[in-house]
N, C-alpha and C. Protein backbone atom coordinates (compact mmCIF):
# COMPACT_ATOMS: atom_id res chain seq x y z
N MET A 1 15.28 -0.38 9.72
CA MET A 1 15.27 0.93 9.14
C MET A 1 13.82 1.39 8.87
N LYS A 2 13.53 2.63 9.23
CA LYS A 2 12.22 3.18 9.08
C LYS A 2 12.07 3.73 7.63
N ASN A 3 11.02 3.37 6.97
CA ASN A 3 10.70 3.88 5.64
C ASN A 3 9.32 4.50 5.67
N ARG A 4 9.17 5.57 4.85
CA ARG A 4 7.85 6.14 4.72
C ARG A 4 7.67 6.59 3.27
N LEU A 5 6.40 6.81 2.97
CA LEU A 5 6.00 7.19 1.58
C LEU A 5 5.42 8.59 1.69
N LEU A 6 5.90 9.50 0.95
CA LEU A 6 5.42 10.90 0.95
C LEU A 6 4.84 11.17 -0.47
N VAL A 7 3.57 11.45 -0.49
CA VAL A 7 2.87 11.72 -1.83
C VAL A 7 2.52 13.21 -1.84
N MET A 8 3.05 13.98 -2.76
CA MET A 8 2.71 15.35 -2.93
C MET A 8 3.14 15.87 -4.28
N ASN A 9 2.40 16.90 -4.74
CA ASN A 9 2.74 17.48 -6.07
C ASN A 9 2.86 16.51 -7.25
N GLY A 10 2.06 15.43 -7.11
CA GLY A 10 2.04 14.45 -8.31
C GLY A 10 3.12 13.44 -8.22
N HIS A 11 3.81 13.39 -7.12
CA HIS A 11 5.00 12.45 -6.98
C HIS A 11 4.91 11.58 -5.70
N ARG A 12 5.41 10.41 -5.82
CA ARG A 12 5.63 9.48 -4.73
C ARG A 12 7.16 9.54 -4.35
N ILE A 13 7.40 9.82 -3.06
CA ILE A 13 8.79 9.89 -2.65
C ILE A 13 8.97 8.82 -1.57
N ILE A 14 9.86 7.86 -1.80
CA ILE A 14 10.20 6.87 -0.81
C ILE A 14 11.36 7.38 0.01
N GLN A 15 11.24 7.41 1.32
CA GLN A 15 12.22 7.99 2.21
C GLN A 15 12.65 7.00 3.26
N HIS A 16 13.85 7.12 3.81
CA HIS A 16 14.30 6.37 4.92
C HIS A 16 14.91 7.28 5.93
N GLU A 17 14.78 6.90 7.20
CA GLU A 17 15.31 7.73 8.32
C GLU A 17 16.73 7.36 8.65
N GLN A 18 17.57 8.34 8.70
CA GLN A 18 18.98 8.14 9.07
C GLN A 18 19.26 9.14 10.17
N GLY A 19 19.43 8.61 11.39
CA GLY A 19 19.58 9.57 12.53
C GLY A 19 18.20 10.17 12.82
N THR A 20 18.19 11.49 12.69
CA THR A 20 16.92 12.26 12.84
C THR A 20 16.47 12.91 11.53
N GLN A 21 17.16 12.57 10.44
CA GLN A 21 16.84 13.13 9.12
C GLN A 21 16.17 12.08 8.21
N TRP A 22 15.26 12.54 7.37
CA TRP A 22 14.65 11.70 6.37
C TRP A 22 15.37 11.95 5.07
N HIS A 23 15.79 10.92 4.32
CA HIS A 23 16.56 11.05 3.07
C HIS A 23 15.72 10.34 1.99
N ASN A 24 15.72 10.92 0.79
CA ASN A 24 14.96 10.37 -0.40
C ASN A 24 15.73 9.20 -0.95
N ASP A 25 14.94 8.13 -1.23
CA ASP A 25 15.53 6.98 -1.92
C ASP A 25 15.08 6.94 -3.36
N LYS A 26 13.81 7.30 -3.58
CA LYS A 26 13.25 7.17 -4.93
C LYS A 26 12.12 8.10 -5.14
N VAL A 27 12.05 8.72 -6.34
CA VAL A 27 10.96 9.63 -6.65
C VAL A 27 10.30 9.16 -7.94
N GLU A 28 8.99 8.98 -7.91
CA GLU A 28 8.19 8.52 -9.09
C GLU A 28 6.93 9.29 -9.17
N LYS A 29 6.26 9.15 -10.29
CA LYS A 29 4.91 9.72 -10.41
C LYS A 29 3.95 9.04 -9.44
N SER A 30 3.02 9.78 -8.88
CA SER A 30 2.15 9.25 -7.83
C SER A 30 0.99 8.48 -8.39
N GLY A 31 0.61 8.69 -9.64
CA GLY A 31 -0.57 7.99 -10.21
C GLY A 31 -1.80 8.41 -9.49
N THR A 32 -2.58 7.39 -8.93
CA THR A 32 -3.82 7.72 -8.39
C THR A 32 -3.82 7.75 -6.76
N LEU A 33 -2.59 7.73 -6.20
CA LEU A 33 -2.47 7.80 -4.79
C LEU A 33 -2.85 9.20 -4.30
N LYS A 34 -3.58 9.26 -3.18
CA LYS A 34 -3.96 10.57 -2.55
C LYS A 34 -2.72 11.14 -1.85
N PRO A 35 -2.60 12.46 -1.91
CA PRO A 35 -1.54 13.17 -1.21
C PRO A 35 -1.50 12.88 0.30
N GLY A 36 -0.37 12.64 0.85
CA GLY A 36 -0.23 12.50 2.30
C GLY A 36 1.07 11.87 2.69
N ILE A 37 1.25 11.66 3.98
CA ILE A 37 2.45 10.97 4.49
C ILE A 37 2.07 9.61 4.99
N TYR A 38 2.60 8.54 4.42
CA TYR A 38 2.23 7.17 4.79
C TYR A 38 3.44 6.54 5.53
N ASN A 39 3.30 6.34 6.76
CA ASN A 39 4.39 5.78 7.61
C ASN A 39 4.32 4.23 7.52
N ILE A 40 4.86 3.74 6.40
CA ILE A 40 4.76 2.26 6.14
C ILE A 40 5.63 1.43 7.08
N TYR A 41 6.50 2.07 7.80
CA TYR A 41 7.29 1.32 8.83
C TYR A 41 6.39 0.80 9.94
N LEU A 42 5.21 1.36 10.03
CA LEU A 42 4.26 0.91 11.09
C LEU A 42 3.39 -0.31 10.63
N ALA A 43 3.69 -0.83 9.42
CA ALA A 43 2.85 -1.89 8.85
C ALA A 43 2.99 -3.18 9.69
N THR A 44 1.89 -3.85 9.79
CA THR A 44 1.92 -5.19 10.49
C THR A 44 1.92 -6.29 9.46
N GLN A 45 2.48 -7.44 9.79
CA GLN A 45 2.56 -8.52 8.86
C GLN A 45 1.16 -9.06 8.65
N ALA A 46 0.85 -9.37 7.39
CA ALA A 46 -0.52 -9.94 7.01
C ALA A 46 -0.77 -11.26 7.64
N ASP A 47 -1.94 -11.42 8.15
CA ASP A 47 -2.40 -12.72 8.71
C ASP A 47 -3.08 -13.50 7.51
N LYS A 48 -2.54 -14.62 7.15
CA LYS A 48 -2.99 -15.31 5.99
C LYS A 48 -4.36 -16.00 6.17
N ALA A 49 -4.94 -15.84 7.38
CA ALA A 49 -6.27 -16.42 7.60
C ALA A 49 -7.33 -15.26 7.27
N LYS A 50 -6.86 -14.07 7.01
CA LYS A 50 -7.83 -12.94 6.79
C LYS A 50 -7.76 -12.50 5.37
N SER A 51 -8.66 -11.63 5.06
CA SER A 51 -8.66 -10.92 3.78
C SER A 51 -8.53 -9.41 4.03
N TYR A 52 -7.85 -8.76 3.17
CA TYR A 52 -7.57 -7.32 3.32
C TYR A 52 -8.02 -6.49 2.13
N ASP A 53 -8.73 -5.42 2.39
CA ASP A 53 -9.25 -4.60 1.33
C ASP A 53 -8.78 -3.19 1.51
N GLY A 54 -8.04 -2.72 0.43
CA GLY A 54 -7.47 -1.36 0.55
C GLY A 54 -6.58 -1.01 -0.64
N VAL A 55 -5.94 0.12 -0.54
CA VAL A 55 -5.15 0.64 -1.65
C VAL A 55 -3.64 0.20 -1.47
N ILE A 56 -3.11 -0.30 -2.57
CA ILE A 56 -1.67 -0.65 -2.61
C ILE A 56 -0.84 0.63 -2.68
N LEU A 57 0.02 0.74 -1.67
CA LEU A 57 0.84 1.99 -1.54
C LEU A 57 2.25 1.89 -2.13
N HIS A 58 2.85 0.73 -1.91
CA HIS A 58 4.24 0.60 -2.29
C HIS A 58 4.60 -0.87 -2.37
N ALA A 59 5.56 -1.23 -3.21
CA ALA A 59 6.08 -2.54 -3.35
C ALA A 59 7.59 -2.43 -3.50
N ASP A 60 8.38 -3.14 -2.63
CA ASP A 60 9.81 -3.18 -2.78
C ASP A 60 10.20 -4.62 -3.07
N LYS A 61 11.52 -4.90 -2.92
CA LYS A 61 12.06 -6.20 -3.32
C LYS A 61 11.46 -7.41 -2.52
N SER A 62 10.98 -7.09 -1.27
CA SER A 62 10.50 -8.22 -0.40
C SER A 62 9.09 -8.10 0.04
N SER A 63 8.48 -6.86 -0.06
CA SER A 63 7.08 -6.67 0.50
C SER A 63 6.23 -5.83 -0.39
N VAL A 64 4.98 -5.98 -0.15
CA VAL A 64 3.93 -5.16 -0.77
C VAL A 64 3.12 -4.49 0.36
N PHE A 65 3.02 -3.18 0.31
CA PHE A 65 2.36 -2.46 1.45
C PHE A 65 0.96 -2.03 0.96
N GLN A 66 0.03 -2.26 1.88
CA GLN A 66 -1.35 -1.98 1.55
C GLN A 66 -1.94 -1.11 2.70
N GLN A 67 -2.73 -0.09 2.36
CA GLN A 67 -3.43 0.68 3.44
C GLN A 67 -4.79 0.10 3.59
N VAL A 68 -5.10 -0.38 4.78
CA VAL A 68 -6.40 -0.92 5.18
C VAL A 68 -7.00 -0.10 6.22
N GLY A 69 -8.03 0.69 5.87
CA GLY A 69 -8.54 1.70 6.80
C GLY A 69 -7.50 2.70 7.10
N LYS A 70 -7.13 2.91 8.31
CA LYS A 70 -6.12 3.88 8.75
C LYS A 70 -4.81 3.16 9.10
N SER A 71 -4.76 1.88 8.97
CA SER A 71 -3.50 1.12 9.25
C SER A 71 -2.90 0.58 7.99
N TYR A 72 -1.68 -0.01 8.16
CA TYR A 72 -0.92 -0.51 7.03
C TYR A 72 -0.69 -2.00 7.23
N VAL A 73 -0.73 -2.75 6.18
CA VAL A 73 -0.45 -4.14 6.15
C VAL A 73 0.68 -4.46 5.21
N LYS A 74 1.58 -5.38 5.62
CA LYS A 74 2.73 -5.74 4.74
C LYS A 74 2.55 -7.23 4.32
N HIS A 75 2.51 -7.39 3.01
CA HIS A 75 2.40 -8.70 2.41
C HIS A 75 3.75 -9.14 1.85
N GLU A 76 4.05 -10.38 1.89
CA GLU A 76 5.37 -10.87 1.31
C GLU A 76 5.18 -10.85 -0.19
N ARG A 77 6.15 -10.25 -0.89
CA ARG A 77 6.08 -10.12 -2.36
C ARG A 77 6.12 -11.52 -2.98
N ALA A 78 6.84 -12.48 -2.39
CA ALA A 78 6.94 -13.85 -2.98
C ALA A 78 5.64 -14.59 -2.99
N ASP A 79 4.69 -14.11 -2.23
CA ASP A 79 3.36 -14.78 -2.17
C ASP A 79 2.49 -14.44 -3.35
N PHE A 80 2.84 -13.47 -4.14
CA PHE A 80 2.02 -13.05 -5.28
C PHE A 80 2.60 -13.62 -6.59
N ASP A 81 1.71 -14.07 -7.49
CA ASP A 81 2.12 -14.42 -8.83
C ASP A 81 2.47 -13.15 -9.60
N LYS A 82 1.61 -12.13 -9.49
CA LYS A 82 1.80 -10.85 -10.12
C LYS A 82 1.50 -9.81 -9.05
N VAL A 83 2.42 -8.83 -8.85
CA VAL A 83 2.29 -7.76 -7.80
C VAL A 83 1.18 -6.80 -8.28
N PRO A 84 0.19 -6.47 -7.50
CA PRO A 84 -0.80 -5.55 -7.85
C PRO A 84 -0.24 -4.18 -8.16
N GLU A 85 -0.90 -3.42 -8.95
CA GLU A 85 -0.55 -2.08 -9.44
C GLU A 85 -0.66 -1.12 -8.26
N ILE A 86 0.37 -0.26 -8.09
CA ILE A 86 0.41 0.73 -7.04
C ILE A 86 -0.73 1.74 -7.31
N GLY A 87 -1.50 2.04 -6.25
CA GLY A 87 -2.62 2.96 -6.40
C GLY A 87 -3.94 2.28 -6.60
N SER A 88 -3.96 0.97 -6.87
CA SER A 88 -5.20 0.22 -7.09
C SER A 88 -5.88 -0.20 -5.81
N ASN A 89 -7.22 -0.18 -5.79
CA ASN A 89 -7.92 -0.61 -4.61
C ASN A 89 -8.22 -2.08 -4.78
N ILE A 90 -7.51 -2.94 -3.98
CA ILE A 90 -7.43 -4.34 -4.15
C ILE A 90 -7.92 -5.13 -2.89
N ASN A 91 -8.58 -6.25 -3.14
CA ASN A 91 -8.85 -7.17 -2.05
C ASN A 91 -7.82 -8.28 -2.11
N ILE A 92 -7.11 -8.55 -1.04
CA ILE A 92 -6.09 -9.57 -1.00
C ILE A 92 -6.50 -10.67 0.05
N ARG A 93 -6.60 -11.90 -0.42
CA ARG A 93 -6.85 -13.02 0.46
C ARG A 93 -5.90 -14.11 0.13
N TYR A 94 -5.78 -15.07 1.01
CA TYR A 94 -4.78 -16.18 0.83
C TYR A 94 -5.49 -17.49 0.69
N GLU A 95 -4.99 -18.25 -0.31
CA GLU A 95 -5.50 -19.58 -0.57
C GLU A 95 -4.22 -20.44 -0.68
N GLN A 96 -4.08 -21.43 0.11
CA GLN A 96 -2.91 -22.34 0.07
C GLN A 96 -1.58 -21.59 0.06
N GLU A 97 -1.49 -20.68 1.04
CA GLU A 97 -0.26 -19.88 1.23
C GLU A 97 0.02 -18.94 0.07
N ARG A 98 -0.81 -18.79 -0.87
CA ARG A 98 -0.63 -17.90 -1.98
C ARG A 98 -1.54 -16.67 -1.91
N ALA A 99 -1.03 -15.42 -2.25
CA ALA A 99 -1.93 -14.29 -2.21
C ALA A 99 -2.69 -14.17 -3.50
N ILE A 100 -4.04 -13.99 -3.36
CA ILE A 100 -4.90 -13.80 -4.49
C ILE A 100 -5.42 -12.39 -4.39
N ALA A 101 -5.10 -11.54 -5.46
CA ALA A 101 -5.53 -10.16 -5.50
C ALA A 101 -6.66 -10.05 -6.52
N SER A 102 -7.73 -9.40 -6.06
CA SER A 102 -8.81 -9.10 -7.01
C SER A 102 -9.28 -7.69 -6.78
N MET A 103 -9.89 -7.11 -7.80
CA MET A 103 -10.38 -5.70 -7.66
C MET A 103 -11.35 -5.63 -6.53
N SER A 104 -11.27 -4.62 -5.69
CA SER A 104 -12.16 -4.38 -4.58
C SER A 104 -13.52 -3.91 -5.09
N ALA A 105 -14.59 -4.25 -4.45
CA ALA A 105 -15.93 -3.81 -4.81
C ALA A 105 -15.96 -2.31 -4.57
N VAL A 106 -16.65 -1.57 -5.48
CA VAL A 106 -16.81 -0.16 -5.25
C VAL A 106 -17.78 0.08 -4.11
N LYS A 107 -17.36 0.86 -3.13
CA LYS A 107 -18.26 1.18 -2.00
C LYS A 107 -19.09 2.37 -2.41
N GLN A 108 -20.39 2.25 -2.12
CA GLN A 108 -21.31 3.32 -2.40
C GLN A 108 -21.30 4.33 -1.29
N GLY A 109 -21.20 5.63 -1.64
CA GLY A 109 -21.13 6.71 -0.66
C GLY A 109 -22.44 7.49 -0.73
N ARG A 110 -22.42 8.61 -0.07
CA ARG A 110 -23.61 9.47 -0.16
C ARG A 110 -23.58 10.27 -1.44
N ARG A 111 -24.75 10.50 -2.01
CA ARG A 111 -24.91 11.23 -3.26
C ARG A 111 -25.88 12.38 -3.04
N LEU A 112 -25.67 13.38 -3.82
CA LEU A 112 -26.62 14.51 -3.86
C LEU A 112 -27.87 14.12 -4.63
N THR A 113 -29.01 14.50 -4.20
CA THR A 113 -30.21 14.27 -4.94
C THR A 113 -30.72 15.56 -5.55
N GLN A 114 -31.43 15.43 -6.64
CA GLN A 114 -31.91 16.66 -7.29
C GLN A 114 -33.36 16.89 -7.01
């Protein structure tokens, strides 16, 4: 089943595709997520030998979805002791088959000078 996340007007809408129509499953406050359409059905399974840095988009009964760059990664929910907060920028790495989530380092961007 294809699932996607739609963020607009301050809400997160979880949708699934049935035939050629998208149907709403759940509507919640968006928090800090940026508006957009996130096709989380395109997520690839996390490689436990790598570390992933990005925003947590969604968590369901079995998976945690993270945006890494322009792609999506799916982590098994059972690998976490505590599921990261949705909208948080997290670094996820694996140690002994367990997911370790830590706050991501703030990336410095360009600034205006006076």
